[in-house]
Amino acid sequence: MMNFKLTTLLITLLVSVSAQAGLWEKMTTIGAQTVKPSSEYLIETAGWNIRVYEWIPADNPNVRCMFAAGSQKGGVACYSIND
């Protein structure tokens, strides 16, 4: 019975910490504008789930940025748009 109570307490603690992390994120970004990417797509690769997001920064319309995300670390790259 003691094992059950301890397990229940640990699960409750983990759920609480996880919920607080989401709450902290919402509190620290309150008022921040959400911008949809101009393009998002998947890249077909063997064994990896690679997602790419592209956008034009609001304060620099002459640049396009891309973010690649997957199972491993991703990163941002920006380049000039030549008209």
N, C-alpha and C. Protein backbone atom coordinates (compact mmCIF):
# COMPACT_ATOMS: atom_id res chain seq x y z
N MET A 1 0.82 -1.20 0.00
CA MET A 1 0.00 0.00 0.00
C MET A 1 0.87 1.26 0.00
N MET A 2 1.98 1.21 0.73
CA MET A 2 2.89 2.36 0.79
C MET A 2 3.52 2.60 -0.57
N ASN A 3 3.86 1.53 -1.29
CA ASN A 3 4.42 1.65 -2.65
C ASN A 3 3.44 2.34 -3.58
N PHE A 4 2.18 2.00 -3.48
CA PHE A 4 1.15 2.60 -4.32
C PHE A 4 1.04 4.10 -4.05
N LYS A 5 1.05 4.48 -2.77
CA LYS A 5 0.96 5.90 -2.42
C LYS A 5 2.18 6.67 -2.92
N LEU A 6 3.36 6.08 -2.77
CA LEU A 6 4.58 6.72 -3.23
C LEU A 6 4.57 6.88 -4.75
N THR A 7 4.14 5.85 -5.46
CA THR A 7 4.05 5.90 -6.93
C THR A 7 3.05 6.97 -7.36
N THR A 8 1.91 7.02 -6.70
CA THR A 8 0.89 8.02 -7.02
C THR A 8 1.42 9.44 -6.76
N LEU A 9 2.14 9.62 -5.66
CA LEU A 9 2.72 10.91 -5.35
C LEU A 9 3.75 11.33 -6.40
N LEU A 10 4.60 10.42 -6.83
CA LEU A 10 5.61 10.72 -7.85
C LEU A 10 4.97 11.07 -9.19
N ILE A 11 3.95 10.34 -9.57
CA ILE A 11 3.26 10.63 -10.83
C ILE A 11 2.60 12.00 -10.76
N THR A 12 1.96 12.30 -9.64
CA THR A 12 1.32 13.60 -9.46
C THR A 12 2.35 14.73 -9.53
N LEU A 13 3.50 14.51 -8.91
CA LEU A 13 4.56 15.51 -8.93
C LEU A 13 5.07 15.74 -10.35
N LEU A 14 5.28 14.66 -11.11
CA LEU A 14 5.74 14.79 -12.49
C LEU A 14 4.73 15.53 -13.36
N VAL A 15 3.47 15.21 -13.22
CA VAL A 15 2.42 15.89 -13.99
C VAL A 15 2.36 17.36 -13.61
N SER A 16 2.49 17.65 -12.33
CA SER A 16 2.46 19.04 -11.86
C SER A 16 3.62 19.84 -12.42
N VAL A 17 4.83 19.29 -12.39
CA VAL A 17 6.01 19.98 -12.92
C VAL A 17 5.84 20.22 -14.41
N SER A 18 5.36 19.23 -15.13
CA SER A 18 5.14 19.36 -16.57
C SER A 18 4.11 20.45 -16.86
N ALA A 19 3.04 20.51 -16.09
CA ALA A 19 2.01 21.53 -16.30
C ALA A 19 2.56 22.92 -15.98
N GLN A 20 3.40 23.03 -14.97
CA GLN A 20 3.98 24.32 -14.61
C GLN A 20 4.93 24.81 -15.68
N ALA A 21 5.65 23.89 -16.35
CA ALA A 21 6.55 24.30 -17.43
C ALA A 21 5.75 24.95 -18.55
N GLY A 22 4.61 24.38 -18.90
CA GLY A 22 3.75 24.97 -19.92
C GLY A 22 3.19 26.31 -19.47
N LEU A 23 2.84 26.41 -18.20
CA LEU A 23 2.32 27.66 -17.65
C LEU A 23 3.41 28.73 -17.65
N TRP A 24 4.64 28.36 -17.29
CA TRP A 24 5.76 29.30 -17.29
C TRP A 24 6.00 29.85 -18.70
N GLU A 25 5.95 28.95 -19.69
CA GLU A 25 6.15 29.38 -21.08
C GLU A 25 5.07 30.39 -21.49
N LYS A 26 3.83 30.11 -21.13
CA LYS A 26 2.74 31.03 -21.48
C LYS A 26 2.90 32.37 -20.77
N MET A 27 3.34 32.35 -19.51
CA MET A 27 3.49 33.60 -18.75
C MET A 27 4.64 34.44 -19.31
N THR A 28 5.73 33.82 -19.71
CA THR A 28 6.89 34.58 -20.19
C THR A 28 6.71 35.09 -21.61
N THR A 29 5.75 34.55 -22.34
CA THR A 29 5.53 35.01 -23.71
C THR A 29 4.20 35.74 -23.87
N ILE A 30 3.61 36.13 -22.74
CA ILE A 30 2.31 36.82 -22.80
C ILE A 30 2.48 38.12 -23.58
N GLY A 31 1.58 38.37 -24.49
CA GLY A 31 1.64 39.57 -25.31
C GLY A 31 2.49 39.44 -26.56
N ALA A 32 3.25 38.35 -26.67
CA ALA A 32 4.08 38.15 -27.86
C ALA A 32 3.19 37.78 -29.04
N GLN A 33 3.48 38.35 -30.18
CA GLN A 33 2.70 38.08 -31.39
C GLN A 33 3.07 36.71 -31.95
N THR A 34 2.08 35.94 -32.34
CA THR A 34 2.32 34.65 -32.99
C THR A 34 2.24 34.85 -34.49
N VAL A 35 3.27 34.45 -35.20
CA VAL A 35 3.32 34.60 -36.64
C VAL A 35 3.40 33.21 -37.27
N LYS A 36 2.54 32.97 -38.23
CA LYS A 36 2.55 31.69 -38.95
C LYS A 36 3.68 31.71 -39.98
N PRO A 37 4.38 30.57 -40.17
CA PRO A 37 5.41 30.54 -41.20
C PRO A 37 4.79 30.69 -42.58
N SER A 38 5.54 31.24 -43.52
CA SER A 38 5.01 31.40 -44.87
C SER A 38 4.96 30.07 -45.60
N SER A 39 5.75 29.10 -45.14
CA SER A 39 5.76 27.78 -45.75
C SER A 39 6.24 26.77 -44.73
N GLU A 40 5.66 25.58 -44.73
CA GLU A 40 6.15 24.49 -43.91
C GLU A 40 5.96 23.19 -44.67
N TYR A 41 6.97 22.32 -44.59
CA TYR A 41 6.92 21.07 -45.33
C TYR A 41 7.84 20.04 -44.70
N LEU A 42 7.67 18.79 -45.13
CA LEU A 42 8.50 17.68 -44.68
C LEU A 42 9.51 17.35 -45.75
N ILE A 43 10.69 16.93 -45.33
CA ILE A 43 11.70 16.48 -46.28
C ILE A 43 11.82 14.97 -46.13
N GLU A 44 11.72 14.26 -47.23
CA GLU A 44 11.81 12.81 -47.20
C GLU A 44 13.26 12.39 -46.97
N THR A 45 13.49 11.76 -45.84
CA THR A 45 14.82 11.26 -45.51
C THR A 45 14.67 9.87 -44.92
N ALA A 46 15.69 9.08 -45.01
CA ALA A 46 15.64 7.71 -44.50
C ALA A 46 15.75 7.70 -42.98
N GLY A 47 14.68 7.33 -42.30
CA GLY A 47 14.72 7.15 -40.87
C GLY A 47 14.62 8.41 -40.02
N TRP A 48 14.44 9.56 -40.61
CA TRP A 48 14.36 10.79 -39.83
C TRP A 48 13.10 11.56 -40.19
N ASN A 49 12.57 12.27 -39.25
CA ASN A 49 11.39 13.11 -39.46
C ASN A 49 11.88 14.55 -39.51
N ILE A 50 12.15 15.08 -40.69
CA ILE A 50 12.66 16.43 -40.84
C ILE A 50 11.53 17.36 -41.28
N ARG A 51 11.30 18.40 -40.49
CA ARG A 51 10.29 19.41 -40.82
C ARG A 51 11.02 20.72 -41.07
N VAL A 52 10.58 21.46 -42.07
CA VAL A 52 11.20 22.74 -42.40
C VAL A 52 10.13 23.82 -42.36
N TYR A 53 10.47 24.93 -41.73
CA TYR A 53 9.60 26.09 -41.65
C TYR A 53 10.34 27.27 -42.26
N GLU A 54 9.67 28.04 -43.11
CA GLU A 54 10.27 29.21 -43.74
C GLU A 54 9.43 30.44 -43.40
N TRP A 55 10.12 31.57 -43.23
CA TRP A 55 9.42 32.82 -42.97
C TRP A 55 10.29 34.00 -43.37
N ILE A 56 9.63 35.13 -43.54
CA ILE A 56 10.31 36.39 -43.82
C ILE A 56 10.19 37.22 -42.54
N PRO A 57 11.32 37.60 -41.92
CA PRO A 57 11.25 38.36 -40.67
C PRO A 57 10.50 39.68 -40.86
N ALA A 58 9.70 40.04 -39.89
CA ALA A 58 8.89 41.26 -39.97
C ALA A 58 9.74 42.51 -40.09
N ASP A 59 10.91 42.53 -39.46
CA ASP A 59 11.72 43.74 -39.49
C ASP A 59 12.76 43.76 -40.61
N ASN A 60 12.77 42.72 -41.45
CA ASN A 60 13.72 42.69 -42.57
C ASN A 60 13.11 41.90 -43.74
N PRO A 61 12.30 42.56 -44.57
CA PRO A 61 11.61 41.86 -45.66
C PRO A 61 12.54 41.40 -46.79
N ASN A 62 13.82 41.75 -46.74
CA ASN A 62 14.77 41.32 -47.77
C ASN A 62 15.48 40.02 -47.41
N VAL A 63 15.02 39.36 -46.37
CA VAL A 63 15.64 38.12 -45.89
C VAL A 63 14.59 37.04 -45.76
N ARG A 64 14.97 35.80 -46.04
CA ARG A 64 14.11 34.64 -45.78
C ARG A 64 14.88 33.74 -44.83
N CYS A 65 14.16 33.23 -43.82
CA CYS A 65 14.78 32.35 -42.84
C CYS A 65 14.12 30.97 -42.89
N MET A 66 14.91 29.97 -42.56
CA MET A 66 14.43 28.59 -42.53
C MET A 66 14.85 27.96 -41.21
N PHE A 67 13.98 27.10 -40.67
CA PHE A 67 14.29 26.34 -39.47
C PHE A 67 14.02 24.88 -39.79
N ALA A 68 15.02 24.03 -39.60
CA ALA A 68 14.86 22.60 -39.81
C ALA A 68 14.81 21.93 -38.44
N ALA A 69 13.80 21.11 -38.22
CA ALA A 69 13.64 20.42 -36.95
C ALA A 69 13.42 18.94 -37.21
N GLY A 70 13.93 18.13 -36.33
CA GLY A 70 13.76 16.69 -36.47
C GLY A 70 14.04 15.99 -35.16
N SER A 71 14.33 14.70 -35.24
CA SER A 71 14.62 13.92 -34.05
C SER A 71 15.92 14.38 -33.39
N GLN A 72 16.83 14.87 -34.17
CA GLN A 72 18.09 15.41 -33.66
C GLN A 72 17.98 16.93 -33.60
N LYS A 73 19.04 17.61 -33.24
CA LYS A 73 19.02 19.07 -33.15
C LYS A 73 18.76 19.70 -34.51
N GLY A 74 18.10 20.85 -34.50
CA GLY A 74 17.84 21.60 -35.73
C GLY A 74 18.50 22.96 -35.62
N GLY A 75 18.31 23.77 -36.63
CA GLY A 75 18.90 25.09 -36.59
C GLY A 75 18.25 26.04 -37.57
N VAL A 76 18.59 27.31 -37.44
CA VAL A 76 18.04 28.38 -38.27
C VAL A 76 19.10 28.85 -39.25
N ALA A 77 18.69 29.12 -40.46
CA ALA A 77 19.56 29.74 -41.46
C ALA A 77 18.76 30.81 -42.17
N CYS A 78 19.38 31.96 -42.41
CA CYS A 78 18.74 33.06 -43.12
C CYS A 78 19.58 33.46 -44.31
N TYR A 79 18.94 33.91 -45.38
CA TYR A 79 19.66 34.35 -46.58
C TYR A 79 18.90 35.49 -47.23
N SER A 80 19.63 36.27 -47.98
CA SER A 80 19.03 37.43 -48.67
C SER A 80 18.15 36.97 -49.82
N ILE A 81 17.07 37.72 -50.03
CA ILE A 81 16.17 37.47 -51.16
C ILE A 81 16.57 38.42 -52.28
N ASN A 82 16.95 37.87 -53.41
CA ASN A 82 17.32 38.69 -54.57
C ASN A 82 16.11 38.85 -55.46
N ASP A 83 15.64 40.07 -55.59
CA ASP A 83 14.45 40.33 -56.44
C ASP A 83 14.85 40.45 -57.89
